[in-house]
N, C-alpha and C. Protein backbone atom coordinates (compact mmCIF):
# COMPACT_ATOMS: atom_id res chain seq x y z
N MET A 1 32.49 -7.93 -0.89
CA MET A 1 31.25 -6.99 -0.99
C MET A 1 29.67 -7.49 -0.33
N GLU A 2 28.82 -6.54 0.26
CA GLU A 2 28.07 -7.23 1.02
C GLU A 2 26.68 -7.84 0.16
N ASN A 3 26.31 -8.77 0.30
CA ASN A 3 25.22 -9.41 -0.38
C ASN A 3 24.41 -8.18 -0.22
N SER A 4 23.26 -8.29 -1.06
CA SER A 4 22.04 -7.31 -1.66
C SER A 4 20.95 -7.88 -0.89
N LEU A 5 21.24 -9.00 -0.33
CA LEU A 5 19.67 -9.88 0.24
C LEU A 5 20.21 -9.29 1.90
N ASN A 6 21.28 -9.29 2.09
CA ASN A 6 21.78 -8.79 3.55
C ASN A 6 21.29 -7.40 4.27
N ARG A 7 20.82 -6.70 3.18
CA ARG A 7 20.25 -5.10 2.82
C ARG A 7 19.38 -5.18 3.76
N ILE A 8 18.35 -6.02 3.36
CA ILE A 8 16.95 -5.91 3.37
C ILE A 8 16.77 -6.53 5.22
N SER A 9 16.06 -5.87 5.62
CA SER A 9 15.19 -6.19 6.93
C SER A 9 14.00 -6.76 7.48
N ILE A 10 14.20 -7.94 7.16
CA ILE A 10 12.71 -9.03 7.30
C ILE A 10 11.60 -8.61 7.92
N PRO A 11 11.96 -7.72 9.36
CA PRO A 11 11.54 -7.66 10.03
C PRO A 11 10.42 -6.07 9.86
N ALA A 12 11.58 -5.21 9.23
CA ALA A 12 11.26 -4.05 8.37
C ALA A 12 9.97 -4.01 7.96
N VAL A 13 10.15 -5.05 6.91
CA VAL A 13 9.59 -5.07 5.64
C VAL A 13 7.89 -5.66 6.09
N ALA A 14 8.65 -7.22 6.99
CA ALA A 14 6.69 -7.76 7.06
C ALA A 14 6.07 -6.80 8.27
N LEU A 15 6.69 -6.34 9.17
CA LEU A 15 5.89 -4.81 10.01
C LEU A 15 5.10 -3.46 9.00
N SER A 16 6.02 -3.09 7.81
CA SER A 16 5.17 -2.53 7.06
C SER A 16 3.88 -3.18 6.48
N SER A 17 4.42 -3.96 6.05
CA SER A 17 3.45 -5.39 4.93
C SER A 17 1.78 -5.24 6.13
N VAL A 18 1.72 -5.87 7.34
CA VAL A 18 1.14 -6.06 8.16
C VAL A 18 0.21 -4.79 8.50
N ILE A 19 0.98 -3.32 8.34
CA ILE A 19 0.51 -2.25 8.92
C ILE A 19 -0.23 -1.58 7.52
N VAL A 20 0.04 -2.16 6.17
CA VAL A 20 -0.62 -1.51 4.83
C VAL A 20 -1.42 -2.29 4.76
N LEU A 21 -1.23 -3.56 5.04
CA LEU A 21 -2.78 -4.53 4.77
C LEU A 21 -3.54 -3.87 5.41
N ALA A 22 -3.61 -4.04 6.93
CA ALA A 22 -4.51 -3.09 7.63
C ALA A 22 -5.16 -1.76 7.28
N MET A 23 -4.42 -1.35 6.56
CA MET A 23 -4.79 0.06 6.31
C MET A 23 -5.80 -0.23 5.32
N ASP A 24 -5.15 -1.36 4.05
CA ASP A 24 -5.97 -1.58 2.83
C ASP A 24 -6.96 -2.04 3.28
N ILE A 25 -7.44 -3.04 4.25
CA ILE A 25 -8.39 -3.72 4.51
C ILE A 25 -9.38 -2.36 5.34
N ILE A 26 -9.06 -1.47 5.69
CA ILE A 26 -9.54 -0.97 6.67
C ILE A 26 -10.28 0.48 5.48
N GLY A 27 -9.45 0.53 4.50
CA GLY A 27 -9.96 1.73 3.28
C GLY A 27 -10.50 1.10 2.58
N SER A 28 -10.97 -0.13 2.11
CA SER A 28 -11.32 -0.49 0.86
C SER A 28 -12.55 -0.90 1.82
N THR A 29 -12.67 -1.28 3.27
CA THR A 29 -14.19 -1.33 3.78
C THR A 29 -15.35 0.14 3.82
N VAL A 30 -14.48 1.39 3.81
CA VAL A 30 -15.02 2.45 4.10
C VAL A 30 -15.32 2.85 2.84
N LEU A 31 -14.40 2.75 1.22
CA LEU A 31 -14.69 2.83 -0.29
C LEU A 31 -15.99 2.27 -0.67
N PHE A 32 -16.19 0.58 0.07
CA PHE A 32 -16.92 -0.23 -0.40
C PHE A 32 -18.75 0.74 0.28
N ALA A 33 -18.17 0.93 1.93
CA ALA A 33 -19.67 1.17 2.04
C ALA A 33 -20.07 2.60 1.39
N LEU A 34 -19.12 3.25 1.43
CA LEU A 34 -19.36 4.74 0.50
C LEU A 34 -20.47 4.88 -0.42
N ASN A 35 -19.72 3.56 -1.30
CA ASN A 35 -20.38 3.69 -2.64
C ASN A 35 -20.98 2.84 -2.96
N SER A 36 -21.84 2.17 -1.83
CA SER A 36 -22.55 1.13 -2.20
C SER A 36 -23.84 1.60 -0.73
N PRO A 37 -24.40 2.38 -1.64
CA PRO A 37 -25.47 2.80 0.23
C PRO A 37 -26.96 2.05 0.28
N GLU A 38 -26.66 1.11 -0.95
CA GLU A 38 -28.02 -0.44 -0.56
C GLU A 38 -27.73 -1.32 0.33
N ILE A 39 -26.61 -1.17 0.78
CA ILE A 39 -26.10 -1.98 2.18
C ILE A 39 -26.76 -2.32 3.26
N SER A 40 -27.04 -3.00 3.90
CA SER A 40 -28.41 -3.44 4.55
C SER A 40 -27.64 -4.59 5.81
N PRO A 41 -28.09 -4.26 7.08
CA PRO A 41 -27.38 -5.96 8.20
C PRO A 41 -28.47 -7.15 7.23
N ASN A 42 -29.63 -6.62 7.02
CA ASN A 42 -29.90 -8.06 6.30
C ASN A 42 -29.69 -8.57 4.60
N ILE A 43 -28.56 -7.81 4.41
CA ILE A 43 -27.93 -8.06 2.74
C ILE A 43 -27.44 -9.99 2.63
N THR A 44 -27.63 -10.15 1.74
CA THR A 44 -27.70 -11.59 1.65
C THR A 44 -26.39 -11.94 0.79
N PRO A 45 -25.27 -12.77 1.12
CA PRO A 45 -24.28 -12.93 -0.01
C PRO A 45 -23.85 -12.94 -1.27
N ALA A 46 -25.25 -13.23 -1.85
CA ALA A 46 -25.46 -12.98 -3.07
C ALA A 46 -25.80 -11.56 -3.60
N GLN A 47 -26.06 -10.70 -2.46
CA GLN A 47 -26.29 -9.48 -3.29
C GLN A 47 -25.04 -8.43 -2.95
N ILE A 48 -24.17 -8.97 -2.03
CA ILE A 48 -23.03 -8.59 -1.54
C ILE A 48 -22.08 -8.72 -2.96
N GLU A 49 -22.17 -10.29 -3.58
CA GLU A 49 -21.69 -10.52 -4.80
C GLU A 49 -21.91 -9.79 -6.01
N ALA A 50 -22.97 -9.62 -6.16
CA ALA A 50 -23.75 -8.40 -7.09
C ALA A 50 -23.27 -6.77 -7.22
N ILE A 51 -23.23 -6.48 -5.54
CA ILE A 51 -22.66 -5.76 -5.48
C ILE A 51 -21.41 -4.78 -5.71
N THR A 52 -21.07 -6.22 -5.34
CA THR A 52 -19.27 -5.73 -5.74
C THR A 52 -18.82 -5.92 -7.18
N LEU A 53 -19.53 -6.75 -7.86
CA LEU A 53 -19.42 -6.85 -9.55
C LEU A 53 -19.63 -5.57 -10.19
N ALA A 54 -20.69 -4.76 -9.61
CA ALA A 54 -20.92 -3.84 -10.21
C ALA A 54 -19.93 -2.57 -10.04
N MET A 55 -19.49 -2.35 -8.70
CA MET A 55 -18.55 -1.88 -8.23
C MET A 55 -17.09 -1.90 -9.27
N SER A 56 -16.92 -2.89 -9.58
CA SER A 56 -15.62 -3.32 -9.99
C SER A 56 -15.44 -2.99 -11.70
N GLN A 57 -16.86 -2.51 -11.76
CA GLN A 57 -17.02 -1.58 -12.94
C GLN A 57 -17.38 -0.69 -13.23
N ASP A 58 -17.51 0.13 -12.09
CA ASP A 58 -17.15 1.53 -11.71
C ASP A 58 -16.20 2.26 -11.80
N LEU A 59 -15.73 3.27 -13.03
CA LEU A 59 -14.58 3.65 -12.63
C LEU A 59 -14.02 4.55 -11.75
N GLY A 60 -14.86 5.44 -11.29
CA GLY A 60 -15.22 6.37 -10.51
C GLY A 60 -14.21 5.50 -9.03
N PHE A 61 -14.96 4.33 -8.64
CA PHE A 61 -14.96 3.70 -7.55
C PHE A 61 -13.63 2.88 -7.79
N MET A 62 -12.83 2.38 -8.77
CA MET A 62 -11.63 1.81 -8.86
C MET A 62 -10.98 2.82 -9.08
N PHE A 63 -10.83 4.15 -9.77
CA PHE A 63 -9.84 4.71 -9.64
C PHE A 63 -9.36 5.62 -8.04
N SER A 64 -10.48 5.78 -7.41
CA SER A 64 -10.28 5.66 -6.02
C SER A 64 -9.75 4.36 -5.46
N ALA A 65 -10.14 3.11 -5.58
CA ALA A 65 -9.32 2.53 -5.03
C ALA A 65 -7.98 2.15 -5.15
N LEU A 66 -7.56 2.54 -6.52
CA LEU A 66 -6.45 2.61 -7.20
C LEU A 66 -5.41 3.63 -6.65
N LEU A 67 -5.72 5.13 -6.33
CA LEU A 67 -5.33 6.28 -5.67
C LEU A 67 -5.25 5.85 -4.29
N TYR A 68 -5.85 5.05 -3.87
CA TYR A 68 -5.96 4.96 -2.22
C TYR A 68 -4.90 4.01 -1.68
N GLY A 69 -4.80 2.99 -2.49
CA GLY A 69 -3.83 1.71 -2.73
C GLY A 69 -2.36 2.10 -2.93
N THR A 70 -2.37 3.12 -3.81
CA THR A 70 -1.15 3.60 -4.06
C THR A 70 -0.46 4.62 -2.92
N ALA A 71 -1.68 5.28 -2.45
CA ALA A 71 -0.92 6.10 -1.59
C ALA A 71 -0.64 5.20 -0.09
N THR A 72 -0.91 4.28 -0.17
CA THR A 72 -0.79 3.32 1.22
C THR A 72 0.58 2.54 1.15
N THR A 73 0.76 2.22 -0.56
CA THR A 73 2.29 1.77 -1.03
C THR A 73 3.23 2.65 -0.22
N ILE A 74 2.77 4.12 -0.76
CA ILE A 74 4.02 5.12 -0.41
C ILE A 74 4.35 4.85 0.94
N ILE A 75 3.29 4.85 2.11
CA ILE A 75 2.97 5.02 3.47
C ILE A 75 4.46 3.50 3.19
N GLY A 76 3.88 2.42 3.26
CA GLY A 76 4.67 1.58 3.53
C GLY A 76 5.80 1.33 3.06
N GLY A 77 6.28 1.89 1.99
CA GLY A 77 7.92 1.88 1.39
C GLY A 77 8.16 3.19 2.67
N TYR A 78 7.62 4.23 2.58
CA TYR A 78 8.04 4.87 4.11
C TYR A 78 9.05 4.08 5.56
N LEU A 79 7.24 3.11 5.94
CA LEU A 79 7.67 2.72 7.01
C LEU A 79 8.97 1.86 7.06
N ALA A 80 8.84 0.87 5.58
CA ALA A 80 9.90 -0.06 5.86
C ALA A 80 11.49 0.81 5.58
N ALA A 81 11.21 1.56 5.37
CA ALA A 81 13.01 2.45 4.90
C ALA A 81 12.94 2.86 6.90
N ARG A 82 12.06 3.30 7.17
CA ARG A 82 12.39 4.21 8.63
C ARG A 82 12.56 3.02 9.84
N PHE A 83 11.59 1.86 9.65
CA PHE A 83 11.67 0.52 10.66
C PHE A 83 13.18 0.27 10.54
N ALA A 84 13.87 0.14 8.93
CA ALA A 84 15.09 -0.79 9.16
C ALA A 84 16.30 0.27 9.12
N LYS A 85 16.30 1.64 9.10
CA LYS A 85 17.03 2.59 9.44
C LYS A 85 18.42 2.44 8.37
N LYS A 86 18.73 1.72 7.81
CA LYS A 86 19.71 1.09 6.79
C LYS A 86 19.08 0.65 5.46
N TYR A 87 19.72 1.02 4.30
CA TYR A 87 19.66 0.80 3.22
C TYR A 87 18.18 0.99 2.87
N PRO A 88 17.66 2.23 2.77
CA PRO A 88 16.05 2.53 2.68
C PRO A 88 15.41 1.71 1.49
N TYR A 89 16.63 2.39 0.59
CA TYR A 89 15.79 2.15 -0.85
C TYR A 89 15.43 0.66 -1.06
N PHE A 90 16.40 -0.38 -0.34
CA PHE A 90 16.26 -1.57 -0.75
C PHE A 90 15.44 -2.48 -0.06
N ASN A 91 15.08 -1.55 1.33
CA ASN A 91 13.81 -2.30 2.19
C ASN A 91 12.41 -1.96 1.67
N ALA A 92 12.39 -0.67 1.20
CA ALA A 92 11.39 0.23 0.09
C ALA A 92 10.86 -0.82 -0.37
N ALA A 93 12.02 -0.78 -1.15
CA ALA A 93 11.69 -1.93 -2.53
C ALA A 93 11.24 -3.44 -2.48
N ALA A 94 11.59 -4.02 -1.22
CA ALA A 94 11.65 -5.12 -0.74
C ALA A 94 9.77 -5.24 -0.26
N PHE A 95 9.35 -4.26 0.33
CA PHE A 95 8.36 -4.08 0.53
C PHE A 95 7.64 -4.20 -0.49
N GLY A 96 7.98 -3.12 -1.68
CA GLY A 96 7.12 -3.34 -2.83
C GLY A 96 6.81 -4.66 -3.25
N LEU A 97 7.93 -5.24 -3.19
CA LEU A 97 8.27 -6.90 -4.21
C LEU A 97 7.34 -7.56 -3.23
N THR A 98 7.27 -7.16 -1.83
CA THR A 98 6.43 -8.38 -0.68
C THR A 98 4.86 -7.92 -1.39
N SER A 99 4.61 -6.70 -1.60
CA SER A 99 3.21 -5.75 -1.58
C SER A 99 2.44 -6.65 -3.43
N ILE A 100 3.37 -6.80 -4.65
CA ILE A 100 3.44 -7.60 -5.64
C ILE A 100 2.76 -8.91 -4.78
N VAL A 101 3.42 -9.66 -4.62
CA VAL A 101 3.34 -11.00 -4.02
C VAL A 101 1.93 -11.16 -3.44
N LEU A 102 2.08 -10.34 -2.17
CA LEU A 102 0.37 -10.08 -1.47
C LEU A 102 -0.81 -9.93 -2.16
N GLY A 103 -0.66 -9.08 -2.90
CA GLY A 103 -1.48 -8.68 -4.30
C GLY A 103 -1.75 -9.80 -4.86
N LEU A 104 -0.94 -10.30 -5.55
CA LEU A 104 -1.26 -11.61 -6.37
C LEU A 104 -2.41 -12.37 -5.84
N LEU A 105 -2.08 -13.10 -4.43
CA LEU A 105 -2.08 -14.10 -3.71
C LEU A 105 -3.75 -13.65 -3.50
N LEU A 106 -3.92 -12.43 -3.08
CA LEU A 106 -5.38 -11.75 -2.35
C LEU A 106 -6.06 -11.36 -3.25
N SER A 107 -5.80 -11.45 -4.41
CA SER A 107 -6.59 -10.10 -5.60
C SER A 107 -8.24 -10.78 -6.34
N SER A 108 -8.93 -10.27 -5.86
CA SER A 108 -10.01 -10.46 -6.33
C SER A 108 -10.34 -10.20 -7.56
N GLU A 109 -11.33 -10.70 -7.96
CA GLU A 109 -11.79 -10.36 -9.95
C GLU A 109 -11.57 -8.86 -10.12
N THR A 110 -11.00 -8.38 -10.78
CA THR A 110 -11.14 -7.28 -10.80
C THR A 110 -10.80 -7.34 -12.71
N PRO A 111 -10.69 -5.97 -12.98
CA PRO A 111 -10.25 -5.87 -14.90
C PRO A 111 -8.88 -5.86 -14.74
N PHE A 112 -8.20 -6.53 -15.92
CA PHE A 112 -6.75 -6.61 -16.16
C PHE A 112 -6.37 -5.24 -15.90
N TRP A 113 -6.73 -3.75 -16.54
CA TRP A 113 -6.35 -2.83 -16.48
C TRP A 113 -6.27 -2.26 -15.05
N PHE A 114 -6.82 -2.53 -14.07
CA PHE A 114 -6.83 -2.17 -12.84
C PHE A 114 -5.51 -3.05 -11.92
N GLN A 115 -5.68 -4.17 -12.42
CA GLN A 115 -4.58 -4.98 -11.68
C GLN A 115 -3.62 -4.76 -12.50
N ALA A 116 -2.97 -4.43 -13.09
CA ALA A 116 -2.19 -4.17 -14.07
C ALA A 116 -1.30 -2.49 -14.00
N LEU A 117 -2.09 -1.99 -14.04
CA LEU A 117 -2.04 -0.47 -13.39
C LEU A 117 -1.46 -0.45 -11.63
N GLY A 118 -2.22 -1.71 -10.70
CA GLY A 118 -1.55 -1.42 -9.52
C GLY A 118 -0.42 -2.57 -9.40
N LEU A 119 -0.16 -3.40 -10.21
CA LEU A 119 1.41 -4.07 -10.10
C LEU A 119 2.36 -3.19 -10.24
N LEU A 120 1.87 -2.52 -11.68
CA LEU A 120 3.30 -1.47 -12.30
C LEU A 120 3.48 -0.61 -11.77
N SER A 121 2.36 -0.06 -10.49
CA SER A 121 2.67 1.45 -9.67
C SER A 121 3.39 1.01 -8.68
N THR A 122 3.69 -0.21 -8.19
CA THR A 122 3.77 -0.93 -6.72
C THR A 122 5.05 -0.23 -6.55
N ILE A 123 6.24 -0.77 -7.01
CA ILE A 123 7.81 -0.75 -6.61
C ILE A 123 7.96 0.62 -6.69
N PRO A 124 7.68 1.38 -7.77
CA PRO A 124 8.02 3.00 -7.99
C PRO A 124 6.89 4.03 -6.64
N ALA A 125 6.16 2.94 -6.27
CA ALA A 125 5.31 3.89 -5.10
C ALA A 125 6.00 3.65 -3.93
N ALA A 126 6.45 2.38 -3.65
CA ALA A 126 7.10 1.88 -2.64
C ALA A 126 8.90 2.80 -2.57
N VAL A 127 9.46 2.62 -3.46
CA VAL A 127 10.44 3.44 -3.56
C VAL A 127 10.31 4.80 -3.43
N LEU A 128 9.10 5.25 -3.82
CA LEU A 128 8.79 7.06 -3.85
C LEU A 128 8.89 7.02 -2.24
N GLY A 129 8.12 6.33 -1.46
CA GLY A 129 8.10 6.15 0.20
C GLY A 129 9.13 6.42 0.97
N GLY A 130 10.42 5.51 0.35
CA GLY A 130 11.65 4.98 0.93
C GLY A 130 12.52 6.67 0.38
N HIS A 131 12.32 7.30 -0.50
CA HIS A 131 13.10 8.11 -0.50
C HIS A 131 12.59 9.80 0.14
N TRP A 132 11.10 9.22 0.08
CA TRP A 132 10.62 10.47 1.19
C TRP A 132 10.93 9.88 2.76
N TYR A 133 11.29 9.33 3.07
CA TYR A 133 11.96 8.95 4.22
C TYR A 133 13.45 9.08 4.15
N CYS A 134 14.29 8.86 3.48
CA CYS A 134 15.47 9.77 3.21
C CYS A 134 15.21 11.10 2.96
N THR A 135 14.37 12.09 2.05
CA THR A 135 14.42 13.56 2.31
C THR A 135 14.21 13.91 3.67
N LYS A 136 13.63 13.24 4.60
CA LYS A 136 13.35 13.69 5.69
C LYS A 136 14.26 13.66 7.06
N ASN A 137 15.17 12.38 7.03
CA ASN A 137 15.92 12.16 7.64
C ASN A 137 17.58 12.71 6.98
N VAL A 138 17.72 13.66 6.17
CA VAL A 138 19.10 13.72 5.67
C VAL A 138 20.07 14.58 6.48
C-alpha cells in the first residue's frame, strides 16, 4: 500500500502557495486602498497603524477580506490539483494545510472570529478547488 505522503507533490503545493500568497498580498493591498481614502504619500507609520486597526473593526472590510481569501484558497486548491496531476484531493488538502500554517505565521492582529472562520474554512475551500479541477478534467 502506498504511503499517503507519497501522494503529495511538494512542488505543486509550493508553487500554488507562492501564487496564492502573491494574489493575497495584491488583493489585500487593493482592499486596503479602496477602504481607506485618507492614505497619501506623506502618511506616517503611526497613521497607517491607526487606519489598519480601524479597518480590522469594520465588518464590511473584514467580510470582504474573508471572501477574497476564501476565493484565493479555492483557486490554490485547484492549482495544486492541476499542477500535481495525480491525487488531486490530497494535493488540494496539502495546499490547505500549508495555507493554515502560513496564515498562522503571517497573521496580523485581527478579531478572533475572523481568524477562526478563516482557519476553519481553509481546508474545505482548498478541497473544493481540487474538486473543481476534477470536475473539469474527467
